Amino acid sequence: EDGKRLASDRGTPQGGLISPVLANVYL
C-alpha cells in the first residue's frame, strides 16, 4: 500500500481465491 509492504500476521489473503475455503475451514 502506497509503495510500502505491510506484514500480514493474521487474516486470510485479501482478494485471494483461497480465502473463502480457508474461512470455512476455520469456522
PDB file of all heavy atoms in Angstrom:
ATOM      1  N   GLU A   1       0.843  -1.190   0.000  1.00  0.00           N
ATOM      2  CA  GLU A   1       0.000   0.000   0.000  1.00  0.00           C
ATOM      3  C   GLU A   1       0.879   1.240   0.000  1.00  0.00           C
ATOM      4  O   GLU A   1       1.762   1.379   0.849  1.00  0.00           O
ATOM      5  CB  GLU A   1      -0.931   0.004   1.212  1.00  0.00           C
ATOM      6  CG  GLU A   1      -1.915   1.159   1.220  1.00  0.00           C
ATOM      7  CD  GLU A   1      -2.937   1.041   2.344  1.00  0.00           C
ATOM      8  OE1 GLU A   1      -2.786   0.155   3.211  1.00  0.00           O
ATOM      9  OE2 GLU A   1      -3.896   1.840   2.328  1.00  0.00           O
ATOM     10  N   ASP A   2       0.646   2.126  -0.971  1.00  0.00           N
ATOM     11  CA  ASP A   2       1.430   3.356  -1.100  1.00  0.00           C
ATOM     12  C   ASP A   2       2.925   3.078  -1.181  1.00  0.00           C
ATOM     13  O   ASP A   2       3.755   3.796  -0.621  1.00  0.00           O
ATOM     14  CB  ASP A   2       1.140   4.305   0.058  1.00  0.00           C
ATOM     15  CG  ASP A   2      -0.309   4.768   0.093  1.00  0.00           C
ATOM     16  OD1 ASP A   2      -0.915   4.879  -0.999  1.00  0.00           O
ATOM     17  OD2 ASP A   2      -0.826   5.007   1.203  1.00  0.00           O
ATOM     18  N   GLY A   3       3.276   1.990  -1.876  1.00  0.00           N
ATOM     19  CA  GLY A   3       4.675   1.652  -2.070  1.00  0.00           C
ATOM     20  C   GLY A   3       5.349   1.001  -0.885  1.00  0.00           C
ATOM     21  O   GLY A   3       6.548   0.704  -0.932  1.00  0.00           O
ATOM     22  N   LYS A   4       4.612   0.756   0.200  1.00  0.00           N
ATOM     23  CA  LYS A   4       5.165   0.138   1.390  1.00  0.00           C
ATOM     24  C   LYS A   4       4.553  -1.241   1.610  1.00  0.00           C
ATOM     25  O   LYS A   4       3.355  -1.429   1.435  1.00  0.00           O
ATOM     26  CB  LYS A   4       4.912   1.018   2.613  1.00  0.00           C
ATOM     27  CG  LYS A   4       5.573   2.381   2.562  1.00  0.00           C
ATOM     28  CD  LYS A   4       5.260   3.177   3.817  1.00  0.00           C
ATOM     29  CE  LYS A   4       5.916   4.556   3.780  1.00  0.00           C
ATOM     30  NZ  LYS A   4       5.601   5.353   5.004  1.00  0.00           N
ATOM     31  N   ARG A   5       5.407  -2.191   1.990  1.00  0.00           N
ATOM     32  CA  ARG A   5       4.927  -3.538   2.277  1.00  0.00           C
ATOM     33  C   ARG A   5       4.524  -3.641   3.737  1.00  0.00           C
ATOM     34  O   ARG A   5       5.320  -3.344   4.650  1.00  0.00           O
ATOM     35  CB  ARG A   5       5.998  -4.573   1.952  1.00  0.00           C
ATOM     36  CG  ARG A   5       5.542  -6.006   2.243  1.00  0.00           C
ATOM     37  CD  ARG A   5       6.505  -7.030   1.739  1.00  0.00           C
ATOM     38  NE  ARG A   5       6.060  -8.387   2.045  1.00  0.00           N
ATOM     39  CZ  ARG A   5       6.616  -9.485   1.602  1.00  0.00           C
ATOM     40  NH1 ARG A   5       7.652  -9.375   0.784  1.00  0.00           N
ATOM     41  NH2 ARG A   5       6.159 -10.672   1.925  1.00  0.00           N
ATOM     42  N   LEU A   6       3.293  -4.080   3.971  1.00  0.00           N
ATOM     43  CA  LEU A   6       2.771  -4.258   5.310  1.00  0.00           C
ATOM     44  C   LEU A   6       2.672  -5.739   5.631  1.00  0.00           C
ATOM     45  O   LEU A   6       2.248  -6.537   4.782  1.00  0.00           O
ATOM     46  CB  LEU A   6       1.393  -3.601   5.451  1.00  0.00           C
ATOM     47  CG  LEU A   6       1.291  -2.129   5.030  1.00  0.00           C
ATOM     48  CD1 LEU A   6      -0.158  -1.658   5.126  1.00  0.00           C
ATOM     49  CD2 LEU A   6       2.193  -1.253   5.881  1.00  0.00           C
ATOM     50  N   ALA A   7       3.077  -6.098   6.823  1.00  0.00           N
ATOM     51  CA  ALA A   7       3.030  -7.503   7.228  1.00  0.00           C
ATOM     52  C   ALA A   7       1.587  -7.959   7.407  1.00  0.00           C
ATOM     53  O   ALA A   7       0.708  -7.177   7.763  1.00  0.00           O
ATOM     54  CB  ALA A   7       3.803  -7.700   8.521  1.00  0.00           C
ATOM     55  N   SER A   8       1.334  -9.225   7.138  1.00  0.00           N
ATOM     56  CA  SER A   8       0.011  -9.815   7.359  1.00  0.00           C
ATOM     57  C   SER A   8       0.172 -10.959   8.346  1.00  0.00           C
ATOM     58  O   SER A   8       0.324 -12.123   7.972  1.00  0.00           O
ATOM     59  CB  SER A   8      -0.594 -10.299   6.031  1.00  0.00           C
ATOM     60  OG  SER A   8       0.309 -11.156   5.335  1.00  0.00           O
ATOM     61  N   ASP A   9       0.164 -10.623   9.639  1.00  0.00           N
ATOM     62  CA  ASP A   9       0.368 -11.630  10.676  1.00  0.00           C
ATOM     63  C   ASP A   9      -0.921 -12.320  11.093  1.00  0.00           C
ATOM     64  O   ASP A   9      -0.901 -13.258  11.893  1.00  0.00           O
ATOM     65  CB  ASP A   9       1.044 -11.000  11.901  1.00  0.00           C
ATOM     66  CG  ASP A   9       0.265  -9.808  12.446  1.00  0.00           C
ATOM     67  OD1 ASP A   9      -0.699  -9.362  11.794  1.00  0.00           O
ATOM     68  OD2 ASP A   9       0.626  -9.316  13.528  1.00  0.00           O
ATOM     69  N   ARG A  10      -2.050 -11.879  10.553  1.00  0.00           N
ATOM     70  CA  ARG A  10      -3.324 -12.538  10.790  1.00  0.00           C
ATOM     71  C   ARG A  10      -4.264 -12.253   9.633  1.00  0.00           C
ATOM     72  O   ARG A  10      -4.017 -11.367   8.824  1.00  0.00           O
ATOM     73  CB  ARG A  10      -3.948 -12.111  12.111  1.00  0.00           C
ATOM     74  CG  ARG A  10      -4.238 -10.616  12.236  1.00  0.00           C
ATOM     75  CD  ARG A  10      -4.941 -10.268  13.541  1.00  0.00           C
ATOM     76  NE  ARG A  10      -4.219 -10.712  14.678  1.00  0.00           N
ATOM     77  CZ  ARG A  10      -4.730 -11.508  15.637  1.00  0.00           C
ATOM     78  NH1 ARG A  10      -5.979 -11.887  15.558  1.00  0.00           N
ATOM     79  NH2 ARG A  10      -3.998 -11.879  16.659  1.00  0.00           N
ATOM     80  N   GLY A  11      -5.366 -12.983   9.568  1.00  0.00           N
ATOM     81  CA  GLY A  11      -6.320 -12.793   8.487  1.00  0.00           C
ATOM     82  C   GLY A  11      -6.052 -13.703   7.301  1.00  0.00           C
ATOM     83  O   GLY A  11      -4.981 -14.291   7.171  1.00  0.00           O
ATOM     84  N   THR A  12      -7.045 -13.829   6.422  1.00  0.00           N
ATOM     85  CA  THR A  12      -6.894 -14.594   5.192  1.00  0.00           C
ATOM     86  C   THR A  12      -6.455 -13.669   4.065  1.00  0.00           C
ATOM     87  O   THR A  12      -6.657 -12.460   4.149  1.00  0.00           O
ATOM     88  CB  THR A  12      -8.213 -15.281   4.808  1.00  0.00           C
ATOM     89  OG1 THR A  12      -9.245 -14.293   4.693  1.00  0.00           O
ATOM     90  CG2 THR A  12      -8.621 -16.294   5.859  1.00  0.00           C
ATOM     91  N   PRO A  13      -5.844 -14.222   2.984  1.00  0.00           N
ATOM     92  CA  PRO A  13      -5.331 -13.369   1.908  1.00  0.00           C
ATOM     93  C   PRO A  13      -6.407 -12.474   1.294  1.00  0.00           C
ATOM     94  O   PRO A  13      -7.431 -12.963   0.825  1.00  0.00           O
ATOM     95  CB  PRO A  13      -4.811 -14.385   0.879  1.00  0.00           C
ATOM     96  CG  PRO A  13      -4.551 -15.626   1.661  1.00  0.00           C
ATOM     97  CD  PRO A  13      -5.568 -15.646   2.743  1.00  0.00           C
ATOM     98  N   GLN A  14      -6.203 -11.184   1.323  1.00  0.00           N
ATOM     99  CA  GLN A  14      -7.161 -10.244   0.762  1.00  0.00           C
ATOM    100  C   GLN A  14      -7.339 -10.463  -0.735  1.00  0.00           C
ATOM    101  O   GLN A  14      -6.364 -10.494  -1.479  1.00  0.00           O
ATOM    102  CB  GLN A  14      -6.703  -8.810   1.013  1.00  0.00           C
ATOM    103  CG  GLN A  14      -6.853  -8.351   2.457  1.00  0.00           C
ATOM    104  CD  GLN A  14      -6.767  -6.852   2.576  1.00  0.00           C
ATOM    105  OE1 GLN A  14      -7.006  -6.105   1.662  1.00  0.00           O
ATOM    106  NE2 GLN A  14      -6.416  -6.384   3.741  1.00  0.00           N
ATOM    107  N   GLY A  15      -8.588 -10.608  -1.161  1.00  0.00           N
ATOM    108  CA  GLY A  15      -8.860 -10.805  -2.579  1.00  0.00           C
ATOM    109  C   GLY A  15      -8.436 -12.155  -3.105  1.00  0.00           C
ATOM    110  O   GLY A  15      -8.524 -12.400  -4.312  1.00  0.00           O
ATOM    111  N   GLY A  16      -7.974 -13.031  -2.226  1.00  0.00           N
ATOM    112  CA  GLY A  16      -7.466 -14.322  -2.666  1.00  0.00           C
ATOM    113  C   GLY A  16      -8.576 -15.320  -2.959  1.00  0.00           C
ATOM    114  O   GLY A  16      -9.585 -15.369  -2.257  1.00  0.00           O
ATOM    115  N   LEU A  17      -8.383 -16.138  -3.986  1.00  0.00           N
ATOM    116  CA  LEU A  17      -9.363 -17.155  -4.336  1.00  0.00           C
ATOM    117  C   LEU A  17      -9.427 -18.259  -3.289  1.00  0.00           C
ATOM    118  O   LEU A  17     -10.408 -18.989  -3.212  1.00  0.00           O
ATOM    119  CB  LEU A  17      -9.019 -17.760  -5.703  1.00  0.00           C
ATOM    120  CG  LEU A  17      -9.066 -16.787  -6.894  1.00  0.00           C
ATOM    121  CD1 LEU A  17      -8.604 -17.483  -8.164  1.00  0.00           C
ATOM    122  CD2 LEU A  17     -10.462 -16.239  -7.083  1.00  0.00           C
ATOM    123  N   ILE A  18      -8.388 -18.372  -2.485  1.00  0.00           N
ATOM    124  CA  ILE A  18      -8.342 -19.417  -1.474  1.00  0.00           C
ATOM    125  C   ILE A  18      -8.967 -18.978  -0.157  1.00  0.00           C
ATOM    126  O   ILE A  18      -9.245 -19.790   0.721  1.00  0.00           O
ATOM    127  CB  ILE A  18      -6.879 -19.872  -1.255  1.00  0.00           C
ATOM    128  CG1 ILE A  18      -6.838 -21.287  -0.650  1.00  0.00           C
ATOM    129  CG2 ILE A  18      -6.089 -18.859  -0.402  1.00  0.00           C
ATOM    130  CD1 ILE A  18      -5.444 -21.881  -0.637  1.00  0.00           C
ATOM    131  N   SER A  19      -9.226 -17.680   0.007  1.00  0.00           N
ATOM    132  CA  SER A  19      -9.737 -17.149   1.265  1.00  0.00           C
ATOM    133  C   SER A  19     -11.087 -17.734   1.690  1.00  0.00           C
ATOM    134  O   SER A  19     -11.266 -18.072   2.859  1.00  0.00           O
ATOM    135  CB  SER A  19      -9.827 -15.622   1.206  1.00  0.00           C
ATOM    136  OG  SER A  19      -8.544 -15.052   1.186  1.00  0.00           O
ATOM    137  N   PRO A  20     -12.078 -17.850   0.785  1.00  0.00           N
ATOM    138  CA  PRO A  20     -13.377 -18.382   1.219  1.00  0.00           C
ATOM    139  C   PRO A  20     -13.304 -19.771   1.832  1.00  0.00           C
ATOM    140  O   PRO A  20     -13.914 -20.022   2.873  1.00  0.00           O
ATOM    141  CB  PRO A  20     -14.204 -18.375  -0.076  1.00  0.00           C
ATOM    142  CG  PRO A  20     -13.588 -17.311  -0.910  1.00  0.00           C
ATOM    143  CD  PRO A  20     -12.129 -17.376  -0.617  1.00  0.00           C
ATOM    144  N   VAL A  21     -12.562 -20.682   1.209  1.00  0.00           N
ATOM    145  CA  VAL A  21     -12.499 -22.035   1.746  1.00  0.00           C
ATOM    146  C   VAL A  21     -11.678 -22.072   3.031  1.00  0.00           C
ATOM    147  O   VAL A  21     -11.989 -22.835   3.955  1.00  0.00           O
ATOM    148  CB  VAL A  21     -11.961 -23.039   0.692  1.00  0.00           C
ATOM    149  CG1 VAL A  21     -10.541 -22.732   0.296  1.00  0.00           C
ATOM    150  CG2 VAL A  21     -12.089 -24.467   1.209  1.00  0.00           C
ATOM    151  N   LEU A  22     -10.628 -21.244   3.147  1.00  0.00           N
ATOM    152  CA  LEU A  22      -9.876 -21.167   4.396  1.00  0.00           C
ATOM    153  C   LEU A  22     -10.761 -20.656   5.528  1.00  0.00           C
ATOM    154  O   LEU A  22     -10.677 -21.130   6.662  1.00  0.00           O
ATOM    155  CB  LEU A  22      -8.657 -20.260   4.231  1.00  0.00           C
ATOM    156  CG  LEU A  22      -7.516 -20.792   3.356  1.00  0.00           C
ATOM    157  CD1 LEU A  22      -6.407 -19.754   3.243  1.00  0.00           C
ATOM    158  CD2 LEU A  22      -6.958 -22.105   3.887  1.00  0.00           C
ATOM    159  N   ALA A  23     -11.608 -19.688   5.223  1.00  0.00           N
ATOM    160  CA  ALA A  23     -12.550 -19.170   6.214  1.00  0.00           C
ATOM    161  C   ALA A  23     -13.516 -20.259   6.660  1.00  0.00           C
ATOM    162  O   ALA A  23     -13.831 -20.384   7.851  1.00  0.00           O
ATOM    163  CB  ALA A  23     -13.312 -17.983   5.638  1.00  0.00           C
ATOM    164  N   ASN A  24     -13.991 -21.061   5.717  1.00  0.00           N
ATOM    165  CA  ASN A  24     -14.894 -22.159   6.053  1.00  0.00           C
ATOM    166  C   ASN A  24     -14.211 -23.200   6.928  1.00  0.00           C
ATOM    167  O   ASN A  24     -14.823 -23.751   7.843  1.00  0.00           O
ATOM    168  CB  ASN A  24     -15.431 -22.815   4.781  1.00  0.00           C
ATOM    169  CG  ASN A  24     -16.758 -22.214   4.326  1.00  0.00           C
ATOM    170  OD1 ASN A  24     -17.457 -21.551   5.091  1.00  0.00           O
ATOM    171  ND2 ASN A  24     -17.109 -22.451   3.072  1.00  0.00           N
ATOM    172  N   VAL A  25     -12.942 -23.481   6.643  1.00  0.00           N
ATOM    173  CA  VAL A  25     -12.192 -24.437   7.461  1.00  0.00           C
ATOM    174  C   VAL A  25     -12.088 -23.918   8.897  1.00  0.00           C
ATOM    175  O   VAL A  25     -12.308 -24.657   9.863  1.00  0.00           O
ATOM    176  CB  VAL A  25     -10.790 -24.682   6.873  1.00  0.00           C
ATOM    177  CG1 VAL A  25      -9.941 -25.506   7.852  1.00  0.00           C
ATOM    178  CG2 VAL A  25     -10.881 -25.395   5.531  1.00  0.00           C
ATOM    179  N   TYR A  26     -11.753 -22.646   9.032  1.00  0.00           N
ATOM    180  CA  TYR A  26     -11.586 -22.042  10.361  1.00  0.00           C
ATOM    181  C   TYR A  26     -12.881 -22.127  11.162  1.00  0.00           C
ATOM    182  O   TYR A  26     -12.887 -22.575  12.316  1.00  0.00           O
ATOM    183  CB  TYR A  26     -11.147 -20.589  10.200  1.00  0.00           C
ATOM    184  CG  TYR A  26     -10.455 -20.006  11.419  1.00  0.00           C
ATOM    185  CD1 TYR A  26      -9.124 -20.291  11.679  1.00  0.00           C
ATOM    186  CD2 TYR A  26     -11.134 -19.168  12.292  1.00  0.00           C
ATOM    187  CE1 TYR A  26      -8.480 -19.745  12.779  1.00  0.00           C
ATOM    188  CE2 TYR A  26     -10.499 -18.620  13.393  1.00  0.00           C
ATOM    189  CZ  TYR A  26      -9.164 -18.915  13.633  1.00  0.00           C
ATOM    190  OH  TYR A  26      -8.538 -18.381  14.740  1.00  0.00           O
ATOM    191  N   LEU A  27     -13.989 -21.724  10.557  1.00  0.00           N
ATOM    192  CA  LEU A  27     -15.258 -21.712  11.271  1.00  0.00           C
ATOM    193  C   LEU A  27     -15.853 -23.111  11.410  1.00  0.00           C
ATOM    194  O   LEU A  27     -16.689 -23.340  12.289  1.00  0.00           O
ATOM    195  CB  LEU A  27     -16.243 -20.774  10.577  1.00  0.00           C
ATOM    196  CG  LEU A  27     -15.875 -19.286  10.694  1.00  0.00           C
ATOM    197  CD1 LEU A  27     -16.851 -18.423   9.901  1.00  0.00           C
ATOM    198  CD2 LEU A  27     -15.854 -18.844  12.150  1.00  0.00           C
TER     199      LEU A  27
END
